């Protein structure tokens, strides 16, 4: 008995009941979709909006926020007060992003994350 390769509707050829290549691709796409949903679900826990930032910036911002919430001083993260408004603290996340916080006396509360361009165009908190 000679088995013949059959052509599946997707165009691939094989011997089985279904195309294993396409089944593998579907499983990989489903796994990626679930990972994306899990990543997007983590944004609900953030005290400020971090949704439009690159993943490496989001992770660094979250570590800074956690440090501030555990009463670490903003200077540990390289933060400085602004000259025009001493109640506003700027903490560098990396070369391209800054976290703007407000000093409420007993604690520093994150307000937003700005790109380098946004930060330089307008005075934060102004």
N, C-alpha and C. Protein backbone atom coordinates (compact mmCIF):
# COMPACT_ATOMS: atom_id res chain seq x y z
N UNK A 1 0.85 -1.18 0.00
CA UNK A 1 0.00 0.00 0.00
C UNK A 1 0.90 1.24 0.00
N UNK A 2 0.68 2.10 -0.92
CA UNK A 2 1.47 3.33 -1.05
C UNK A 2 0.63 4.49 -0.51
N UNK A 3 1.21 5.20 0.43
CA UNK A 3 0.49 6.36 0.98
C UNK A 3 0.83 7.57 0.13
N UNK A 4 -0.18 8.33 -0.17
CA UNK A 4 0.03 9.53 -0.96
C UNK A 4 -0.06 10.75 -0.07
N UNK A 5 0.81 11.67 -0.39
CA UNK A 5 0.74 12.96 0.32
C UNK A 5 -0.46 13.72 -0.21
N UNK A 6 -1.18 14.33 0.70
CA UNK A 6 -2.31 15.11 0.24
C UNK A 6 -2.03 16.59 0.47
N UNK A 7 -2.71 17.40 -0.27
CA UNK A 7 -2.56 18.85 -0.14
C UNK A 7 -3.69 19.36 0.72
N UNK A 8 -3.35 20.07 1.79
CA UNK A 8 -4.34 20.64 2.71
C UNK A 8 -4.88 21.95 2.14
N UNK A 9 -6.01 22.42 2.65
CA UNK A 9 -6.59 23.68 2.14
C UNK A 9 -5.63 24.88 2.26
N UNK A 10 -4.69 24.81 3.18
CA UNK A 10 -3.74 25.92 3.37
C UNK A 10 -2.64 25.91 2.31
N UNK A 11 -2.51 24.80 1.57
CA UNK A 11 -1.49 24.70 0.55
C UNK A 11 -0.32 23.82 0.93
N UNK A 12 -0.20 23.50 2.21
CA UNK A 12 0.88 22.61 2.65
C UNK A 12 0.54 21.17 2.28
N UNK A 13 1.55 20.34 2.25
CA UNK A 13 1.34 18.94 1.90
C UNK A 13 1.76 18.06 3.07
N UNK A 14 1.06 16.93 3.23
CA UNK A 14 1.40 16.01 4.30
C UNK A 14 0.55 14.77 4.26
N UNK A 15 0.69 13.92 5.30
CA UNK A 15 -0.01 12.64 5.34
C UNK A 15 -1.15 12.61 6.35
N UNK A 16 -1.20 13.51 7.31
CA UNK A 16 -2.14 13.42 8.42
C UNK A 16 -3.52 13.95 8.12
N UNK A 17 -4.33 14.03 9.17
CA UNK A 17 -5.69 14.54 9.05
C UNK A 17 -5.72 16.06 8.97
N UNK A 18 -4.71 16.70 9.56
CA UNK A 18 -4.65 18.17 9.55
C UNK A 18 -3.22 18.61 9.30
N UNK A 19 -3.08 19.84 8.92
CA UNK A 19 -1.75 20.40 8.65
C UNK A 19 -1.08 20.73 9.98
N UNK A 20 0.02 20.06 10.29
CA UNK A 20 0.69 20.26 11.56
C UNK A 20 1.40 21.60 11.62
N UNK A 21 1.86 22.11 10.48
CA UNK A 21 2.49 23.43 10.44
C UNK A 21 1.51 24.51 10.87
N UNK A 22 0.32 24.46 10.28
CA UNK A 22 -0.68 25.48 10.61
C UNK A 22 -1.18 25.34 12.05
N UNK A 23 -1.29 24.10 12.53
CA UNK A 23 -1.71 23.87 13.91
C UNK A 23 -0.68 24.45 14.87
N UNK A 24 0.61 24.29 14.55
CA UNK A 24 1.68 24.84 15.38
C UNK A 24 1.63 26.37 15.38
N UNK A 25 1.41 26.95 14.21
CA UNK A 25 1.32 28.41 14.11
C UNK A 25 0.13 28.95 14.91
N UNK A 26 -1.01 28.26 14.84
CA UNK A 26 -2.19 28.68 15.61
C UNK A 26 -1.91 28.63 17.11
N UNK A 27 -1.23 27.57 17.55
CA UNK A 27 -0.90 27.44 18.98
C UNK A 27 0.04 28.56 19.41
N UNK A 28 1.01 28.90 18.56
CA UNK A 28 1.96 29.98 18.87
C UNK A 28 1.25 31.32 18.92
N UNK A 29 0.34 31.56 17.99
CA UNK A 29 -0.42 32.81 17.98
C UNK A 29 -1.30 32.92 19.22
N UNK A 30 -1.89 31.82 19.64
CA UNK A 30 -2.73 31.82 20.85
C UNK A 30 -1.90 32.12 22.08
N UNK A 31 -0.69 31.54 22.14
CA UNK A 31 0.19 31.79 23.28
C UNK A 31 0.60 33.27 23.32
N UNK A 32 0.92 33.85 22.18
CA UNK A 32 1.29 35.27 22.12
C UNK A 32 0.11 36.15 22.53
N UNK A 33 -1.09 35.78 22.09
CA UNK A 33 -2.29 36.55 22.44
C UNK A 33 -2.52 36.53 23.95
N UNK A 34 -2.34 35.38 24.58
CA UNK A 34 -2.52 35.28 26.03
C UNK A 34 -1.46 36.10 26.77
N UNK A 35 -0.21 36.05 26.30
CA UNK A 35 0.84 36.85 26.93
C UNK A 35 0.53 38.33 26.82
N UNK A 36 0.02 38.77 25.67
CA UNK A 36 -0.33 40.17 25.49
C UNK A 36 -1.46 40.58 26.42
N UNK A 37 -2.46 39.72 26.57
CA UNK A 37 -3.57 40.00 27.48
C UNK A 37 -3.08 40.12 28.92
N UNK A 38 -2.16 39.22 29.32
CA UNK A 38 -1.61 39.28 30.68
C UNK A 38 -0.84 40.58 30.88
N UNK A 39 -0.05 40.99 29.89
CA UNK A 39 0.73 42.22 29.97
C UNK A 39 -0.20 43.43 30.08
N UNK A 40 -1.26 43.47 29.28
CA UNK A 40 -2.19 44.59 29.31
C UNK A 40 -2.98 44.62 30.62
N UNK A 41 -3.21 43.48 31.23
CA UNK A 41 -3.94 43.43 32.50
C UNK A 41 -3.11 44.04 33.63
N UNK A 42 -1.80 44.03 33.52
CA UNK A 42 -0.97 44.59 34.59
C UNK A 42 -1.08 46.11 34.67
N UNK A 43 -1.52 46.77 33.60
CA UNK A 43 -1.63 48.22 33.60
C UNK A 43 -2.75 48.72 34.52
N UNK A 44 -3.71 47.87 34.85
CA UNK A 44 -4.81 48.27 35.73
C UNK A 44 -4.31 48.55 37.14
N UNK A 45 -3.18 47.96 37.53
CA UNK A 45 -2.65 48.12 38.89
C UNK A 45 -1.76 49.35 39.04
N UNK A 46 -1.38 49.98 37.92
CA UNK A 46 -0.47 51.12 37.98
C UNK A 46 -1.18 52.39 38.44
N UNK A 47 -0.55 53.19 39.31
CA UNK A 47 -1.18 54.42 39.79
C UNK A 47 -1.20 55.52 38.73
N UNK A 48 -0.34 55.43 37.71
CA UNK A 48 -0.35 56.40 36.61
C UNK A 48 -0.43 55.64 35.29
N UNK A 49 -0.78 56.35 34.22
CA UNK A 49 -0.94 55.71 32.91
C UNK A 49 0.42 55.42 32.29
N UNK A 50 0.70 54.15 32.06
CA UNK A 50 1.96 53.73 31.44
C UNK A 50 1.72 52.96 30.14
N UNK A 51 0.49 53.02 29.62
CA UNK A 51 0.11 52.16 28.51
C UNK A 51 0.84 52.45 27.20
N UNK A 52 1.19 53.68 26.94
CA UNK A 52 1.79 54.02 25.64
C UNK A 52 3.31 54.06 25.67
N UNK A 53 3.90 53.44 26.66
CA UNK A 53 5.36 53.46 26.80
C UNK A 53 5.96 52.13 26.37
N UNK A 54 7.23 52.13 25.96
CA UNK A 54 7.90 50.87 25.63
C UNK A 54 8.02 49.97 26.87
N UNK A 55 8.04 48.67 26.68
CA UNK A 55 8.07 47.74 27.82
C UNK A 55 9.22 47.96 28.79
N UNK A 56 10.43 48.26 28.30
CA UNK A 56 11.55 48.46 29.22
C UNK A 56 11.36 49.71 30.06
N UNK A 57 10.68 50.72 29.53
CA UNK A 57 10.40 51.94 30.29
C UNK A 57 9.32 51.65 31.33
N UNK A 58 8.33 50.85 30.96
CA UNK A 58 7.26 50.49 31.90
C UNK A 58 7.84 49.75 33.10
N UNK A 59 8.73 48.79 32.85
CA UNK A 59 9.31 48.03 33.96
C UNK A 59 10.14 48.91 34.88
N UNK A 60 10.93 49.81 34.31
CA UNK A 60 11.75 50.72 35.12
C UNK A 60 10.86 51.68 35.91
N UNK A 61 9.82 52.21 35.26
CA UNK A 61 8.89 53.12 35.94
C UNK A 61 8.20 52.40 37.11
N UNK A 62 7.82 51.15 36.90
CA UNK A 62 7.17 50.40 37.98
C UNK A 62 8.12 50.16 39.15
N UNK A 63 9.39 49.93 38.87
CA UNK A 63 10.34 49.74 39.97
C UNK A 63 10.54 51.04 40.73
N UNK A 64 10.55 52.17 40.04
CA UNK A 64 10.67 53.47 40.73
C UNK A 64 9.43 53.75 41.56
N UNK A 65 8.26 53.47 40.99
CA UNK A 65 7.01 53.69 41.73
C UNK A 65 6.98 52.83 42.99
N UNK A 66 7.41 51.58 42.87
CA UNK A 66 7.44 50.69 44.05
C UNK A 66 8.40 51.23 45.10
N UNK A 67 9.54 51.75 44.67
CA UNK A 67 10.49 52.33 45.62
C UNK A 67 9.93 53.55 46.32
N UNK A 68 9.24 54.40 45.56
CA UNK A 68 8.64 55.59 46.16
C UNK A 68 7.53 55.21 47.14
N UNK A 69 6.77 54.19 46.80
CA UNK A 69 5.70 53.75 47.70
C UNK A 69 6.23 53.10 48.97
N UNK A 70 7.45 52.57 48.90
CA UNK A 70 8.06 52.00 50.10
C UNK A 70 8.91 53.03 50.84
N UNK A 71 8.63 54.32 50.57
CA UNK A 71 9.22 55.45 51.27
C UNK A 71 10.72 55.64 51.00
N UNK A 72 11.21 55.15 49.85
CA UNK A 72 12.59 55.45 49.49
C UNK A 72 12.67 56.90 49.03
N UNK A 73 13.81 57.50 49.26
CA UNK A 73 14.00 58.88 48.86
C UNK A 73 14.15 58.96 47.34
N UNK A 74 13.60 60.01 46.73
CA UNK A 74 13.67 60.15 45.28
C UNK A 74 15.10 60.34 44.79
N UNK A 75 16.01 60.79 45.63
CA UNK A 75 17.40 60.98 45.21
C UNK A 75 18.10 59.64 44.96
N UNK A 76 17.58 58.56 45.53
CA UNK A 76 18.13 57.23 45.27
C UNK A 76 18.03 56.91 43.78
N UNK A 77 16.98 57.40 43.12
CA UNK A 77 16.74 57.14 41.71
C UNK A 77 17.30 58.25 40.81
N UNK A 78 18.03 59.18 41.38
CA UNK A 78 18.60 60.28 40.61
C UNK A 78 17.64 61.43 40.41
N UNK A 79 16.59 61.49 41.20
CA UNK A 79 15.59 62.54 41.05
C UNK A 79 16.07 63.88 41.58
N UNK A 80 15.56 64.95 40.95
CA UNK A 80 15.90 66.31 41.37
C UNK A 80 14.65 67.17 41.37
N UNK A 81 14.66 68.17 42.22
CA UNK A 81 13.57 69.15 42.23
C UNK A 81 13.77 70.13 41.08
N UNK A 82 12.67 70.61 40.53
CA UNK A 82 12.76 71.59 39.46
C UNK A 82 13.01 72.98 40.04
N UNK A 83 13.70 73.81 39.29
CA UNK A 83 14.03 75.15 39.78
C UNK A 83 12.82 76.06 39.84
N UNK A 84 11.93 75.97 38.87
CA UNK A 84 10.79 76.88 38.82
C UNK A 84 9.67 76.49 39.77
N UNK A 85 9.63 75.25 40.21
CA UNK A 85 8.62 74.79 41.16
C UNK A 85 9.26 73.69 42.01
N UNK A 86 9.62 74.02 43.22
CA UNK A 86 10.36 73.09 44.08
C UNK A 86 9.52 71.92 44.57
N UNK A 87 8.21 71.95 44.34
CA UNK A 87 7.35 70.84 44.75
C UNK A 87 7.29 69.74 43.69
N UNK A 88 7.82 70.02 42.51
CA UNK A 88 7.84 69.04 41.43
C UNK A 88 9.21 68.37 41.40
N UNK A 89 9.20 67.03 41.33
CA UNK A 89 10.43 66.25 41.29
C UNK A 89 10.49 65.52 39.95
N UNK A 90 11.63 65.59 39.31
CA UNK A 90 11.86 64.89 38.04
C UNK A 90 12.83 63.74 38.28
N UNK A 91 12.40 62.53 37.92
CA UNK A 91 13.23 61.34 38.10
C UNK A 91 13.52 60.76 36.72
N UNK A 92 14.79 60.64 36.34
CA UNK A 92 15.09 60.05 35.03
C UNK A 92 14.83 58.54 35.02
N UNK A 93 14.14 58.10 33.98
CA UNK A 93 13.92 56.66 33.81
C UNK A 93 15.03 56.11 32.92
N UNK A 94 15.28 56.79 31.83
CA UNK A 94 16.44 56.51 30.97
C UNK A 94 16.74 57.81 30.22
N UNK A 95 17.51 57.76 29.18
CA UNK A 95 17.87 58.99 28.47
C UNK A 95 16.68 59.64 27.79
N UNK A 96 15.64 58.87 27.50
CA UNK A 96 14.52 59.38 26.73
C UNK A 96 13.25 59.68 27.54
N UNK A 97 13.19 59.26 28.79
CA UNK A 97 11.96 59.42 29.57
C UNK A 97 12.26 59.92 30.98
N UNK A 98 11.31 60.71 31.52
CA UNK A 98 11.39 61.24 32.88
C UNK A 98 10.05 61.00 33.58
N UNK A 99 10.12 60.69 34.85
CA UNK A 99 8.91 60.57 35.66
C UNK A 99 8.77 61.86 36.46
N UNK A 100 7.58 62.45 36.37
CA UNK A 100 7.30 63.68 37.09
C UNK A 100 6.49 63.31 38.33
N UNK A 101 6.95 63.78 39.48
CA UNK A 101 6.29 63.49 40.75
C UNK A 101 6.01 64.80 41.48
N UNK A 102 5.06 64.75 42.41
CA UNK A 102 4.76 65.91 43.24
C UNK A 102 5.10 65.56 44.68
N UNK A 103 5.75 66.48 45.34
CA UNK A 103 6.13 66.29 46.74
C UNK A 103 5.00 66.79 47.63
N UNK A 104 4.42 65.91 48.41
CA UNK A 104 3.34 66.26 49.33
C UNK A 104 3.84 66.31 50.77
N UNK A 105 5.11 66.55 50.96
CA UNK A 105 5.66 66.66 52.31
C UNK A 105 6.14 65.32 52.83
N UNK A 106 5.20 64.46 53.17
CA UNK A 106 5.59 63.17 53.74
C UNK A 106 5.93 62.13 52.68
N UNK A 107 5.43 62.31 51.46
CA UNK A 107 5.75 61.34 50.41
C UNK A 107 5.76 62.02 49.04
N UNK A 108 6.38 61.34 48.08
CA UNK A 108 6.46 61.82 46.71
C UNK A 108 5.53 60.94 45.87
N UNK A 109 4.57 61.59 45.19
CA UNK A 109 3.55 60.85 44.44
C UNK A 109 3.80 61.02 42.94
N UNK A 110 3.93 59.91 42.20
CA UNK A 110 4.11 59.99 40.74
C UNK A 110 2.89 60.61 40.07
N UNK A 111 3.15 61.48 39.09
CA UNK A 111 2.07 62.13 38.35
C UNK A 111 1.97 61.62 36.91
N UNK A 112 3.12 61.57 36.23
CA UNK A 112 3.12 61.15 34.83
C UNK A 112 4.54 60.78 34.40
N UNK A 113 4.63 60.14 33.25
CA UNK A 113 5.92 59.85 32.62
C UNK A 113 5.92 60.59 31.28
N UNK A 114 6.93 61.41 31.07
CA UNK A 114 7.04 62.20 29.85
C UNK A 114 8.25 61.77 29.04
N UNK A 115 8.11 61.87 27.73
CA UNK A 115 9.28 61.63 26.87
C UNK A 115 10.20 62.84 26.98
N UNK A 116 11.41 62.70 26.47
CA UNK A 116 12.39 63.79 26.50
C UNK A 116 11.83 65.03 25.79
N UNK A 117 11.16 64.84 24.66
CA UNK A 117 10.61 65.96 23.90
C UNK A 117 9.51 66.66 24.68
N UNK A 118 8.57 65.89 25.24
CA UNK A 118 7.48 66.48 26.02
C UNK A 118 8.02 67.23 27.24
N UNK A 119 9.02 66.66 27.86
CA UNK A 119 9.60 67.24 29.07
C UNK A 119 10.26 68.59 28.76
N UNK A 120 10.95 68.69 27.63
CA UNK A 120 11.65 69.92 27.29
C UNK A 120 10.74 70.99 26.72
N UNK A 121 9.63 70.63 26.08
CA UNK A 121 8.75 71.61 25.44
C UNK A 121 7.96 72.38 26.49
N UNK A 122 7.42 71.71 27.45
CA UNK A 122 6.63 72.41 28.48
C UNK A 122 7.23 72.15 29.85
N UNK A 123 7.06 73.10 30.71
CA UNK A 123 7.54 72.92 32.07
C UNK A 123 6.56 72.03 32.81
N UNK A 124 6.99 70.87 33.29
CA UNK A 124 6.08 69.97 34.00
C UNK A 124 5.53 70.64 35.26
N UNK A 125 4.25 70.49 35.44
CA UNK A 125 3.62 71.05 36.64
C UNK A 125 3.31 72.52 36.49
N UNK A 126 3.70 73.11 35.39
CA UNK A 126 3.50 74.54 35.18
C UNK A 126 2.20 74.86 34.55
